[in-house]
Amino acid sequence: MIPYSVLDLAPVPQGATTADALRNTVELARHAEALGYRRYWLAEHHNMVGIASAATAVLIGHVAGATENIRVGSGGIMLPNHSPLMVAEAFGTLATLYPGRIDLGLGRAPGTDMATARALRRGLGREDTFPQDVVELMGYLAAPEEDQRVRAVPGMGTQLPIWMLGSSLFGAQLAAHLGLPYAFASHFAPGALDDAIATYRANYRPSEAHPEPHFMLAVNVFAADTDAEGTRLRTSMQQAFLNLRRGMPGYLPAPVDDIAALASPPELAMVEEALKVSAVGSRETVAEKLQSLIARYAPDELILTGQIHDHAARLRSFGIAAEVLGG
């Protein structure tokens, strides 16, 4: 059995409010903890009415305070949007409040559109300093040097676990070079998955904290009592992905019986390719698909996500997945 975790974007379904979404996140986190999930990660996105996790560190603290033992972290913080020192202080505070329970996953993308990226006032018009920013951030979280003038308080000496996130070879190479665990965004951008895993493992440089490479595979899960119901649940995420690619992001749509009626064949082919790392259907079908993915990619951990409109069905889906992976 390998560890399994949850990736949550705090989705806001059509007909619901952001307050509803945040309450749902807390309930799902408690549910995941009871089911044996190892981590509960939240993702940073901005200017999207269907995603309520923009203030990621704030929500991580809220979820950690509402749970007991499950690790809570970011999947991830988009570092180009922030100064390394402020990230170190925010997550150093979380690590001090909830020792041994906080993870810091870092991404390179802005997590939004270009107009919003400009409003965030970092990253645009600057050279790409992401690798240097990661190293700077790691320094703030390490034991301080005697002559170190700038320190993260709280933060310094917490040795907070840092993960590299990515969907290309860049993140794989950087994670390998720095000796960090690596999570690949295979749940929506699987194109470079095989090459990224091979690159990461072949070029890994052992670090004190991580003497061996550690790879996490992200998988969409839509589990239900029947294959037909799992397929129907998935149509909410398919619609959301279509809307995003059409430049019209919105609330998480309700499921439909026939997704083919809402998109052209090329659009559907694009969605299928992007979301192909998925386990959809009944308990037996989901178990077969997860076993196949584990056999193919040999991940050290799985992280599961699933944009499901109905909250009860979402809880049920993660429950079925835990039964499969825990058994």
C-alpha atoms as a PDB file:
ATOM      1  CA  MET A   1       0.000   0.000   0.000  1.00  0.00           C
ATOM      2  CA  ILE A   2       1.330   3.447  -0.921  1.00  0.00           C
ATOM      3  CA  PRO A   3       0.268   6.694   0.794  1.00  0.00           C
ATOM      4  CA  TYR A   4      -2.649   8.561  -0.753  1.00  0.00           C
ATOM      5  CA  SER A   5      -3.638  12.198  -0.339  1.00  0.00           C
ATOM      6  CA  VAL A   6      -6.205  14.816  -1.441  1.00  0.00           C
ATOM      7  CA  LEU A   7      -5.725  17.847  -3.701  1.00  0.00           C
ATOM      8  CA  ASP A   8      -8.547  20.364  -3.205  1.00  0.00           C
ATOM      9  CA  LEU A   9      -9.254  23.592  -5.110  1.00  0.00           C
ATOM     10  CA  ALA A  10     -12.227  24.434  -2.859  1.00  0.00           C
ATOM     11  CA  PRO A  11     -14.574  24.359  -5.871  1.00  0.00           C
ATOM     12  CA  VAL A  12     -17.624  26.625  -5.850  1.00  0.00           C
ATOM     13  CA  PRO A  13     -20.501  24.723  -7.525  1.00  0.00           C
ATOM     14  CA  GLN A  14     -23.193  26.472  -9.527  1.00  0.00           C
ATOM     15  CA  GLY A  15     -25.904  27.532  -7.090  1.00  0.00           C
ATOM     16  CA  ALA A  16     -23.516  27.705  -4.115  1.00  0.00           C
ATOM     17  CA  THR A  17     -21.432  30.435  -2.486  1.00  0.00           C
ATOM     18  CA  THR A  18     -17.756  30.711  -1.581  1.00  0.00           C
ATOM     19  CA  ALA A  19     -18.791  30.280   2.058  1.00  0.00           C
ATOM     20  CA  ASP A  20     -20.416  26.969   1.088  1.00  0.00           C
ATOM     21  CA  ALA A  21     -17.232  25.928  -0.713  1.00  0.00           C
ATOM     22  CA  LEU A  22     -15.035  26.677   2.301  1.00  0.00           C
ATOM     23  CA  ARG A  23     -17.374  24.737   4.616  1.00  0.00           C
ATOM     24  CA  ASN A  24     -17.243  21.845   2.153  1.00  0.00           C
ATOM     25  CA  THR A  25     -13.443  21.944   2.196  1.00  0.00           C
ATOM     26  CA  VAL A  26     -13.339  21.612   5.971  1.00  0.00           C
ATOM     27  CA  GLU A  27     -15.833  18.741   5.905  1.00  0.00           C
ATOM     28  CA  LEU A  28     -13.875  16.956   3.173  1.00  0.00           C
ATOM     29  CA  ALA A  29     -10.608  17.418   5.108  1.00  0.00           C
ATOM     30  CA  ARG A  30     -12.117  15.871   8.231  1.00  0.00           C
ATOM     31  CA  HIS A  31     -13.555  13.073   6.107  1.00  0.00           C
ATOM     32  CA  ALA A  32     -10.168  12.454   4.471  1.00  0.00           C
ATOM     33  CA  GLU A  33      -8.441  12.358   7.845  1.00  0.00           C
ATOM     34  CA  ALA A  34     -10.892   9.730   9.121  1.00  0.00           C
ATOM     35  CA  LEU A  35     -10.364   7.687   5.935  1.00  0.00           C
ATOM     36  CA  GLY A  36      -6.572   7.524   6.303  1.00  0.00           C
ATOM     37  CA  TYR A  37      -5.460  10.063   3.715  1.00  0.00           C
ATOM     38  CA  ARG A  38      -1.940  11.299   4.493  1.00  0.00           C
ATOM     39  CA  ARG A  39      -2.079  14.878   3.173  1.00  0.00           C
ATOM     40  CA  TYR A  40      -4.663  17.498   2.332  1.00  0.00           C
ATOM     41  CA  TRP A  41      -3.286  20.009  -0.151  1.00  0.00           C
ATOM     42  CA  LEU A  42      -4.879  23.216  -1.415  1.00  0.00           C
ATOM     43  CA  ALA A  43      -4.059  24.969  -4.682  1.00  0.00           C
ATOM     44  CA  GLU A  44      -3.474  28.661  -5.392  1.00  0.00           C
ATOM     45  CA  HIS A  45      -5.623  30.123  -8.180  1.00  0.00           C
ATOM     46  CA  HIS A  46      -6.736  33.731  -8.666  1.00  0.00           C
ATOM     47  CA  ASN A  47      -9.631  35.576 -10.312  1.00  0.00           C
ATOM     48  CA  MET A  48     -11.747  32.425 -10.708  1.00  0.00           C
ATOM     49  CA  VAL A  49     -15.256  32.513  -9.250  1.00  0.00           C
ATOM     50  CA  GLY A  50     -15.345  28.711  -9.191  1.00  0.00           C
ATOM     51  CA  ILE A  51     -12.267  28.322  -6.970  1.00  0.00           C
ATOM     52  CA  ALA A  52     -12.170  29.555  -3.360  1.00  0.00           C
ATOM     53  CA  SER A  53      -8.551  28.728  -2.419  1.00  0.00           C
ATOM     54  CA  ALA A  54      -6.827  31.949  -3.597  1.00  0.00           C
ATOM     55  CA  ALA A  55      -5.614  32.871  -0.090  1.00  0.00           C
ATOM     56  CA  THR A  56      -4.000  29.462   0.178  1.00  0.00           C
ATOM     57  CA  ALA A  57      -1.977  29.910   3.369  1.00  0.00           C
ATOM     58  CA  VAL A  58      -5.031  31.305   5.191  1.00  0.00           C
ATOM     59  CA  LEU A  59      -7.147  28.328   4.155  1.00  0.00           C
ATOM     60  CA  ILE A  60      -4.382  25.874   5.074  1.00  0.00           C
ATOM     61  CA  GLY A  61      -4.377  27.305   8.591  1.00  0.00           C
ATOM     62  CA  HIS A  62      -8.167  27.028   8.785  1.00  0.00           C
ATOM     63  CA  VAL A  63      -8.106  23.382   7.662  1.00  0.00           C
ATOM     64  CA  ALA A  64      -5.218  22.489   9.979  1.00  0.00           C
ATOM     65  CA  GLY A  65      -7.116  24.026  12.890  1.00  0.00           C
ATOM     66  CA  ALA A  66     -10.208  21.974  12.030  1.00  0.00           C
ATOM     67  CA  THR A  67      -8.340  18.635  11.858  1.00  0.00           C
ATOM     68  CA  GLU A  68      -6.087  16.680  14.205  1.00  0.00           C
ATOM     69  CA  ASN A  69      -3.349  14.713  12.473  1.00  0.00           C
ATOM     70  CA  ILE A  70      -3.541  14.891   8.685  1.00  0.00           C
ATOM     71  CA  ARG A  71      -0.757  16.878   7.016  1.00  0.00           C
ATOM     72  CA  VAL A  72      -2.039  20.074   5.381  1.00  0.00           C
ATOM     73  CA  GLY A  73      -0.202  21.990   2.704  1.00  0.00           C
ATOM     74  CA  SER A  74      -0.058  23.700  -0.663  1.00  0.00           C
ATOM     75  CA  GLY A  75      -0.369  22.047  -4.000  1.00  0.00           C
ATOM     76  CA  GLY A  76       0.891  24.571  -4.594  1.00  0.00           C
ATOM     77  CA  ILE A  77       1.973  28.088  -3.791  1.00  0.00           C
ATOM     78  CA  MET A  78       2.781  29.851  -7.072  1.00  0.00           C
ATOM     79  CA  LEU A  79       6.118  31.347  -6.061  1.00  0.00           C
ATOM     80  CA  PRO A  80       6.337  33.958  -8.881  1.00  0.00           C
ATOM     81  CA  ASN A  81       3.359  35.681  -7.205  1.00  0.00           C
ATOM     82  CA  HIS A  82       5.152  36.150  -3.875  1.00  0.00           C
ATOM     83  CA  SER A  83       8.437  37.143  -2.317  1.00  0.00           C
ATOM     84  CA  PRO A  84      10.311  34.146  -0.868  1.00  0.00           C
ATOM     85  CA  LEU A  85      10.571  35.874   2.503  1.00  0.00           C
ATOM     86  CA  MET A  86       6.811  36.381   2.818  1.00  0.00           C
ATOM     87  CA  VAL A  87       6.161  32.736   1.901  1.00  0.00           C
ATOM     88  CA  ALA A  88       8.725  31.652   4.495  1.00  0.00           C
ATOM     89  CA  GLU A  89       7.072  33.808   7.154  1.00  0.00           C
ATOM     90  CA  ALA A  90       3.537  32.614   6.322  1.00  0.00           C
ATOM     91  CA  PHE A  91       4.433  28.937   6.220  1.00  0.00           C
ATOM     92  CA  GLY A  92       6.870  29.293   9.102  1.00  0.00           C
ATOM     93  CA  THR A  93       3.937  30.594  11.133  1.00  0.00           C
ATOM     94  CA  LEU A  94       1.809  27.632  10.054  1.00  0.00           C
ATOM     95  CA  ALA A  95       4.617  25.189  10.896  1.00  0.00           C
ATOM     96  CA  THR A  96       4.984  26.801  14.323  1.00  0.00           C
ATOM     97  CA  LEU A  97       1.251  26.625  15.010  1.00  0.00           C
ATOM     98  CA  TYR A  98       0.898  23.059  13.676  1.00  0.00           C
ATOM     99  CA  PRO A  99       4.323  21.412  14.085  1.00  0.00           C
ATOM    100  CA  GLY A 100       4.972  18.361  11.946  1.00  0.00           C
ATOM    101  CA  ARG A 101       1.797  18.837   9.883  1.00  0.00           C
ATOM    102  CA  ILE A 102       2.539  21.476   7.213  1.00  0.00           C
ATOM    103  CA  ASP A 103       3.838  20.909   3.663  1.00  0.00           C
ATOM    104  CA  LEU A 104       4.958  23.586   1.200  1.00  0.00           C
ATOM    105  CA  GLY A 105       4.497  22.654  -2.449  1.00  0.00           C
ATOM    106  CA  LEU A 106       5.855  25.210  -4.924  1.00  0.00           C
ATOM    107  CA  GLY A 107       4.819  25.903  -8.505  1.00  0.00           C
ATOM    108  CA  ARG A 108       6.212  28.147 -11.223  1.00  0.00           C
ATOM    109  CA  ALA A 109       3.029  29.171 -13.081  1.00  0.00           C
ATOM    110  CA  PRO A 110       1.066  32.291 -12.065  1.00  0.00           C
ATOM    111  CA  GLY A 111      -2.136  30.312 -11.493  1.00  0.00           C
ATOM    112  CA  THR A 112      -4.215  32.911 -13.298  1.00  0.00           C
ATOM    113  CA  ASP A 113      -4.570  35.075 -16.407  1.00  0.00           C
ATOM    114  CA  MET A 114      -2.043  37.725 -17.393  1.00  0.00           C
ATOM    115  CA  ALA A 115      -4.171  40.702 -16.300  1.00  0.00           C
ATOM    116  CA  THR A 116      -4.452  39.196 -12.817  1.00  0.00           C
ATOM    117  CA  ALA A 117      -0.765  38.345 -12.830  1.00  0.00           C
ATOM    118  CA  ARG A 118      -0.077  42.033 -13.384  1.00  0.00           C
ATOM    119  CA  ALA A 119      -2.405  42.863 -10.491  1.00  0.00           C
ATOM    120  CA  LEU A 120      -0.348  40.525  -8.294  1.00  0.00           C
ATOM    121  CA  ARG A 121       2.653  42.730  -9.204  1.00  0.00           C
ATOM    122  CA  ARG A 122       5.263  40.005  -9.470  1.00  0.00           C
ATOM    123  CA  GLY A 123       6.692  37.953 -12.305  1.00  0.00           C
ATOM    124  CA  LEU A 124       5.881  40.112 -15.322  1.00  0.00           C
ATOM    125  CA  GLY A 125       8.699  42.042 -16.925  1.00  0.00           C
ATOM    126  CA  ARG A 126      11.261  40.201 -14.821  1.00  0.00           C
ATOM    127  CA  GLU A 127      13.652  37.480 -15.782  1.00  0.00           C
ATOM    128  CA  ASP A 128      12.677  34.021 -14.606  1.00  0.00           C
ATOM    129  CA  THR A 129      14.231  33.764 -11.162  1.00  0.00           C
ATOM    130  CA  PHE A 130      12.206  30.782  -9.965  1.00  0.00           C
ATOM    131  CA  PRO A 131      15.209  28.497  -9.191  1.00  0.00           C
ATOM    132  CA  GLN A 132      16.950  31.274  -7.266  1.00  0.00           C
ATOM    133  CA  ASP A 133      13.723  32.107  -5.432  1.00  0.00           C
ATOM    134  CA  VAL A 134      13.316  28.470  -4.377  1.00  0.00           C
ATOM    135  CA  VAL A 135      16.868  28.356  -3.017  1.00  0.00           C
ATOM    136  CA  GLU A 136      16.325  31.673  -1.215  1.00  0.00           C
ATOM    137  CA  LEU A 137      13.126  30.341   0.344  1.00  0.00           C
ATOM    138  CA  MET A 138      14.845  27.143   1.451  1.00  0.00           C
ATOM    139  CA  GLY A 139      17.507  29.268   3.138  1.00  0.00           C
ATOM    140  CA  TYR A 140      14.932  31.178   5.162  1.00  0.00           C
ATOM    141  CA  LEU A 141      13.472  27.920   6.492  1.00  0.00           C
ATOM    142  CA  ALA A 142      16.829  26.372   7.363  1.00  0.00           C
ATOM    143  CA  ALA A 143      18.828  26.986  10.542  1.00  0.00           C
ATOM    144  CA  PRO A 144      20.072  30.595  10.263  1.00  0.00           C
ATOM    145  CA  GLU A 145      23.704  31.380   9.594  1.00  0.00           C
ATOM    146  CA  GLU A 146      25.526  33.374  12.272  1.00  0.00           C
ATOM    147  CA  ASP A 147      25.938  36.427  10.025  1.00  0.00           C
ATOM    148  CA  GLN A 148      22.556  36.123   8.263  1.00  0.00           C
ATOM    149  CA  ARG A 149      20.995  39.595   8.161  1.00  0.00           C
ATOM    150  CA  VAL A 150      17.505  38.702   6.833  1.00  0.00           C
ATOM    151  CA  ARG A 151      15.638  36.004   8.731  1.00  0.00           C
ATOM    152  CA  ALA A 152      12.115  34.610   8.571  1.00  0.00           C
ATOM    153  CA  VAL A 153      10.448  35.007  11.956  1.00  0.00           C
ATOM    154  CA  PRO A 154       8.616  32.653  12.335  1.00  0.00           C
ATOM    155  CA  GLY A 155      10.181  30.309   9.802  1.00  0.00           C
ATOM    156  CA  MET A 156      13.891  30.018  10.418  1.00  0.00           C
ATOM    157  CA  GLY A 157      14.911  26.606  11.650  1.00  0.00           C
ATOM    158  CA  THR A 158      11.531  24.990  10.973  1.00  0.00           C
ATOM    159  CA  GLN A 159      13.000  22.809   8.183  1.00  0.00           C
ATOM    160  CA  LEU A 160       9.551  22.845   6.611  1.00  0.00           C
ATOM    161  CA  PRO A 161       9.158  20.087   3.976  1.00  0.00           C
ATOM    162  CA  ILE A 162       9.291  21.598   0.476  1.00  0.00           C
ATOM    163  CA  TRP A 163       7.907  19.860  -2.611  1.00  0.00           C
ATOM    164  CA  MET A 164       8.474  20.813  -6.232  1.00  0.00           C
ATOM    165  CA  LEU A 165       5.359  20.801  -8.424  1.00  0.00           C
ATOM    166  CA  GLY A 166       5.366  20.791 -12.190  1.00  0.00           C
ATOM    167  CA  SER A 167       3.953  19.680 -15.511  1.00  0.00           C
ATOM    168  CA  SER A 168       7.143  19.835 -17.603  1.00  0.00           C
ATOM    169  CA  LEU A 169      10.771  18.752 -17.548  1.00  0.00           C
ATOM    170  CA  PHE A 170      11.801  22.039 -15.922  1.00  0.00           C
ATOM    171  CA  GLY A 171      10.271  21.153 -12.555  1.00  0.00           C
ATOM    172  CA  ALA A 172      11.600  17.603 -12.760  1.00  0.00           C
ATOM    173  CA  GLN A 173      15.132  18.841 -13.395  1.00  0.00           C
ATOM    174  CA  LEU A 174      14.989  21.424 -10.608  1.00  0.00           C
ATOM    175  CA  ALA A 175      13.559  18.948  -8.093  1.00  0.00           C
ATOM    176  CA  ALA A 176      16.279  16.459  -8.996  1.00  0.00           C
ATOM    177  CA  HIS A 177      19.015  19.097  -8.733  1.00  0.00           C
ATOM    178  CA  LEU A 178      17.861  20.317  -5.309  1.00  0.00           C
ATOM    179  CA  GLY A 179      17.075  16.860  -3.923  1.00  0.00           C
ATOM    180  CA  LEU A 180      13.387  17.599  -3.349  1.00  0.00           C
ATOM    181  CA  PRO A 181      10.271  15.417  -3.604  1.00  0.00           C
ATOM    182  CA  TYR A 182       8.385  15.988  -6.856  1.00  0.00           C
ATOM    183  CA  ALA A 183       4.657  16.051  -7.648  1.00  0.00           C
ATOM    184  CA  PHE A 184       3.559  16.031 -11.291  1.00  0.00           C
ATOM    185  CA  ALA A 185       0.322  17.716 -12.427  1.00  0.00           C
ATOM    186  CA  SER A 186      -0.817  14.656 -14.349  1.00  0.00           C
ATOM    187  CA  HIS A 187      -4.459  15.346 -13.437  1.00  0.00           C
ATOM    188  CA  PHE A 188      -4.712  18.081 -16.089  1.00  0.00           C
ATOM    189  CA  ALA A 189      -1.408  18.177 -18.054  1.00  0.00           C
ATOM    190  CA  PRO A 190      -0.083  14.630 -18.537  1.00  0.00           C
ATOM    191  CA  GLY A 191       1.777  15.225 -21.796  1.00  0.00           C
ATOM    192  CA  ALA A 192       5.306  15.142 -20.364  1.00  0.00           C
ATOM    193  CA  LEU A 193       4.573  12.684 -17.554  1.00  0.00           C
ATOM    194  CA  ASP A 194       6.739   9.764 -18.691  1.00  0.00           C
ATOM    195  CA  ASP A 195       9.711  11.955 -19.605  1.00  0.00           C
ATOM    196  CA  ALA A 196       9.442  13.972 -16.391  1.00  0.00           C
ATOM    197  CA  ILE A 197       9.487  10.870 -14.178  1.00  0.00           C
ATOM    198  CA  ALA A 198      12.473   9.450 -16.039  1.00  0.00           C
ATOM    199  CA  THR A 199      14.329  12.773 -15.889  1.00  0.00           C
ATOM    200  CA  TYR A 200      13.654  13.215 -12.178  1.00  0.00           C
ATOM    201  CA  ARG A 201      14.749   9.719 -11.198  1.00  0.00           C
ATOM    202  CA  ALA A 202      17.782   9.561 -13.493  1.00  0.00           C
ATOM    203  CA  ASN A 203      19.200  12.920 -12.393  1.00  0.00           C
ATOM    204  CA  TYR A 204      18.291  12.919  -8.724  1.00  0.00           C
ATOM    205  CA  ARG A 205      20.928  14.312  -6.378  1.00  0.00           C
ATOM    206  CA  PRO A 206      20.441  12.990  -2.833  1.00  0.00           C
ATOM    207  CA  SER A 207      19.877  15.596  -0.125  1.00  0.00           C
ATOM    208  CA  GLU A 208      20.121  15.273   3.631  1.00  0.00           C
ATOM    209  CA  ALA A 209      16.346  15.371   4.025  1.00  0.00           C
ATOM    210  CA  HIS A 210      15.638  13.168   0.995  1.00  0.00           C
ATOM    211  CA  PRO A 211      18.380  10.637   0.196  1.00  0.00           C
ATOM    212  CA  GLU A 212      16.121   8.986  -2.410  1.00  0.00           C
ATOM    213  CA  PRO A 213      13.834  10.472  -5.071  1.00  0.00           C
ATOM    214  CA  HIS A 214      10.191  10.674  -4.064  1.00  0.00           C
ATOM    215  CA  PHE A 215       7.555  11.006  -6.763  1.00  0.00           C
ATOM    216  CA  MET A 216       3.854  11.818  -6.327  1.00  0.00           C
ATOM    217  CA  LEU A 217       1.327  11.103  -9.106  1.00  0.00           C
ATOM    218  CA  ALA A 218      -1.833  13.225  -9.342  1.00  0.00           C
ATOM    219  CA  VAL A 219      -4.990  11.370 -10.424  1.00  0.00           C
ATOM    220  CA  ASN A 220      -8.584  12.495 -10.989  1.00  0.00           C
ATOM    221  CA  VAL A 221     -11.056  10.184  -9.262  1.00  0.00           C
ATOM    222  CA  PHE A 222     -14.800  10.054  -9.905  1.00  0.00           C
ATOM    223  CA  ALA A 223     -16.002   7.021  -7.978  1.00  0.00           C
ATOM    224  CA  ALA A 224     -19.616   6.037  -7.457  1.00  0.00           C
ATOM    225  CA  ASP A 225     -21.811   2.980  -7.072  1.00  0.00           C
ATOM    226  CA  THR A 226     -21.920   2.393 -10.846  1.00  0.00           C
ATOM    227  CA  ASP A 227     -19.763   3.151 -13.875  1.00  0.00           C
ATOM    228  CA  ALA A 228     -22.560   5.249 -15.338  1.00  0.00           C
ATOM    229  CA  GLU A 229     -22.806   7.453 -12.257  1.00  0.00           C
ATOM    230  CA  GLY A 230     -19.027   7.920 -12.077  1.00  0.00           C
ATOM    231  CA  THR A 231     -19.007   8.953 -15.741  1.00  0.00           C
ATOM    232  CA  ARG A 232     -21.807  11.430 -15.087  1.00  0.00           C
ATOM    233  CA  LEU A 233     -20.012  12.953 -12.093  1.00  0.00           C
ATOM    234  CA  ARG A 234     -16.969  13.534 -14.276  1.00  0.00           C
ATOM    235  CA  THR A 235     -18.919  15.748 -16.689  1.00  0.00           C
ATOM    236  CA  SER A 236     -18.741  18.650 -14.198  1.00  0.00           C
ATOM    237  CA  MET A 237     -14.953  18.747 -14.426  1.00  0.00           C
ATOM    238  CA  GLN A 238     -15.065  18.226 -18.185  1.00  0.00           C
ATOM    239  CA  GLN A 239     -17.360  21.233 -18.548  1.00  0.00           C
ATOM    240  CA  ALA A 240     -15.196  23.343 -16.240  1.00  0.00           C
ATOM    241  CA  PHE A 241     -12.108  22.453 -18.266  1.00  0.00           C
ATOM    242  CA  LEU A 242     -13.893  23.314 -21.518  1.00  0.00           C
ATOM    243  CA  ASN A 243     -15.046  26.638 -20.117  1.00  0.00           C
ATOM    244  CA  LEU A 244     -11.522  27.477 -18.981  1.00  0.00           C
ATOM    245  CA  ARG A 245     -10.047  26.667 -22.390  1.00  0.00           C
ATOM    246  CA  ARG A 246     -12.752  28.782 -24.032  1.00  0.00           C
ATOM    247  CA  GLY A 247     -11.716  31.729 -21.859  1.00  0.00           C
ATOM    248  CA  MET A 248     -14.933  31.610 -19.841  1.00  0.00           C
ATOM    249  CA  PRO A 249     -14.096  30.156 -16.409  1.00  0.00           C
ATOM    250  CA  GLY A 250     -17.023  30.080 -14.020  1.00  0.00           C
ATOM    251  CA  TYR A 251     -18.668  28.106 -11.253  1.00  0.00           C
ATOM    252  CA  LEU A 252     -18.372  24.316 -11.258  1.00  0.00           C
ATOM    253  CA  PRO A 253     -21.219  23.167 -13.550  1.00  0.00           C
ATOM    254  CA  ALA A 254     -23.806  20.583 -12.611  1.00  0.00           C
ATOM    255  CA  PRO A 255     -23.292  17.184 -14.275  1.00  0.00           C
ATOM    256  CA  VAL A 256     -25.028  16.306 -17.529  1.00  0.00           C
ATOM    257  CA  ASP A 257     -26.075  13.059 -19.149  1.00  0.00           C
ATOM    258  CA  ASP A 258     -24.357  13.700 -22.492  1.00  0.00           C
ATOM    259  CA  ILE A 259     -21.130  15.727 -22.494  1.00  0.00           C
ATOM    260  CA  ALA A 260     -20.853  15.244 -26.276  1.00  0.00           C
ATOM    261  CA  ALA A 261     -23.851  17.532 -26.750  1.00  0.00           C
ATOM    262  CA  LEU A 262     -21.925  20.457 -25.242  1.00  0.00           C
ATOM    263  CA  ALA A 263     -18.688  20.367 -27.244  1.00  0.00           C
ATOM    264  CA  SER A 264     -17.273  19.658 -30.664  1.00  0.00           C
ATOM    265  CA  PRO A 265     -15.347  16.430 -31.302  1.00  0.00           C
ATOM    266  CA  PRO A 266     -11.965  18.282 -31.315  1.00  0.00           C
ATOM    267  CA  GLU A 267     -12.815  19.941 -28.007  1.00  0.00           C
ATOM    268  CA  LEU A 268     -13.817  16.629 -26.469  1.00  0.00           C
ATOM    269  CA  ALA A 269     -10.612  15.018 -27.739  1.00  0.00           C
ATOM    270  CA  MET A 270      -8.607  17.821 -26.102  1.00  0.00           C
ATOM    271  CA  VAL A 271     -10.424  17.346 -22.795  1.00  0.00           C
ATOM    272  CA  GLU A 272     -10.002  13.573 -22.887  1.00  0.00           C
ATOM    273  CA  GLU A 273      -6.264  13.924 -23.487  1.00  0.00           C
ATOM    274  CA  ALA A 274      -5.838  16.475 -20.698  1.00  0.00           C
ATOM    275  CA  LEU A 275      -7.860  14.447 -18.163  1.00  0.00           C
ATOM    276  CA  LYS A 276      -6.752  10.971 -19.191  1.00  0.00           C
ATOM    277  CA  VAL A 277      -5.011  10.244 -15.886  1.00  0.00           C
ATOM    278  CA  SER A 278      -8.327   9.516 -14.224  1.00  0.00           C
ATOM    279  CA  ALA A 279     -10.134   6.673 -12.493  1.00  0.00           C
ATOM    280  CA  VAL A 280     -13.848   6.828 -13.268  1.00  0.00           C
ATOM    281  CA  GLY A 281     -16.707   4.527 -12.355  1.00  0.00           C
ATOM    282  CA  SER A 282     -17.649   1.889  -9.816  1.00  0.00           C
ATOM    283  CA  ARG A 283     -15.428   0.635  -7.010  1.00  0.00           C
ATOM    284  CA  GLU A 284     -14.207  -2.238  -9.171  1.00  0.00           C
ATOM    285  CA  THR A 285     -13.481  -0.037 -12.196  1.00  0.00           C
ATOM    286  CA  VAL A 286     -11.690   2.586 -10.107  1.00  0.00           C
ATOM    287  CA  ALA A 287      -9.620  -0.103  -8.390  1.00  0.00           C
ATOM    288  CA  GLU A 288      -8.561  -1.550 -11.748  1.00  0.00           C
ATOM    289  CA  LYS A 289      -7.564   1.863 -13.108  1.00  0.00           C
ATOM    290  CA  LEU A 290      -5.627   2.890  -9.998  1.00  0.00           C
ATOM    291  CA  GLN A 291      -3.783  -0.429  -9.980  1.00  0.00           C
ATOM    292  CA  SER A 292      -2.894   0.095 -13.629  1.00  0.00           C
ATOM    293  CA  LEU A 293      -1.529   3.598 -12.980  1.00  0.00           C
ATOM    294  CA  ILE A 294       0.502   2.417  -9.993  1.00  0.00           C
ATOM    295  CA  ALA A 295       1.950  -0.462 -12.013  1.00  0.00           C
ATOM    296  CA  ARG A 296       2.889   1.811 -14.913  1.00  0.00           C
ATOM    297  CA  TYR A 297       4.406   4.784 -13.050  1.00  0.00           C
ATOM    298  CA  ALA A 298       5.505   3.233  -9.709  1.00  0.00           C
ATOM    299  CA  PRO A 299       4.757   6.408  -7.721  1.00  0.00           C
ATOM    300  CA  ASP A 300       5.846   6.741  -4.117  1.00  0.00           C
ATOM    301  CA  GLU A 301       2.536   8.482  -3.356  1.00  0.00           C
ATOM    302  CA  LEU A 302      -0.770   9.242  -5.018  1.00  0.00           C
ATOM    303  CA  ILE A 303      -2.654  12.508  -4.677  1.00  0.00           C
ATOM    304  CA  LEU A 304      -6.303  12.368  -5.719  1.00  0.00           C
ATOM    305  CA  THR A 305      -8.546  15.161  -6.875  1.00  0.00           C
ATOM    306  CA  GLY A 306     -11.991  15.407  -8.416  1.00  0.00           C
ATOM    307  CA  GLN A 307     -14.169  18.380  -9.245  1.00  0.00           C
ATOM    308  CA  ILE A 308     -17.600  17.010  -8.297  1.00  0.00           C
ATOM    309  CA  HIS A 309     -20.631  19.285  -8.156  1.00  0.00           C
ATOM    310  CA  ASP A 310     -22.617  17.521  -5.430  1.00  0.00           C
ATOM    311  CA  HIS A 311     -20.788  17.615  -2.105  1.00  0.00           C
ATOM    312  CA  ALA A 312     -22.247  14.331  -0.828  1.00  0.00           C
ATOM    313  CA  ALA A 313     -21.168  12.594  -4.043  1.00  0.00           C
ATOM    314  CA  ARG A 314     -17.692  14.112  -3.628  1.00  0.00           C
ATOM    315  CA  LEU A 315     -17.392  12.734  -0.102  1.00  0.00           C
ATOM    316  CA  ARG A 316     -18.582   9.357  -1.379  1.00  0.00           C
ATOM    317  CA  SER A 317     -16.046   9.370  -4.205  1.00  0.00           C
ATOM    318  CA  PHE A 318     -13.092   9.958  -1.891  1.00  0.00           C
ATOM    319  CA  GLY A 319     -14.504   7.331   0.447  1.00  0.00           C
ATOM    320  CA  ILE A 320     -14.588   4.684  -2.299  1.00  0.00           C
ATOM    321  CA  ALA A 321     -11.054   5.616  -3.374  1.00  0.00           C
ATOM    322  CA  ALA A 322      -9.807   5.207   0.205  1.00  0.00           C
ATOM    323  CA  GLU A 323     -11.471   1.803   0.444  1.00  0.00           C
ATOM    324  CA  VAL A 324      -9.675   0.744  -2.725  1.00  0.00           C
ATOM    325  CA  LEU A 325      -6.246   2.098  -1.793  1.00  0.00           C
ATOM    326  CA  GLY A 326      -6.454   1.184   1.890  1.00  0.00           C
ATOM    327  CA  GLY A 327      -7.489  -2.355   1.106  1.00  0.00           C
END
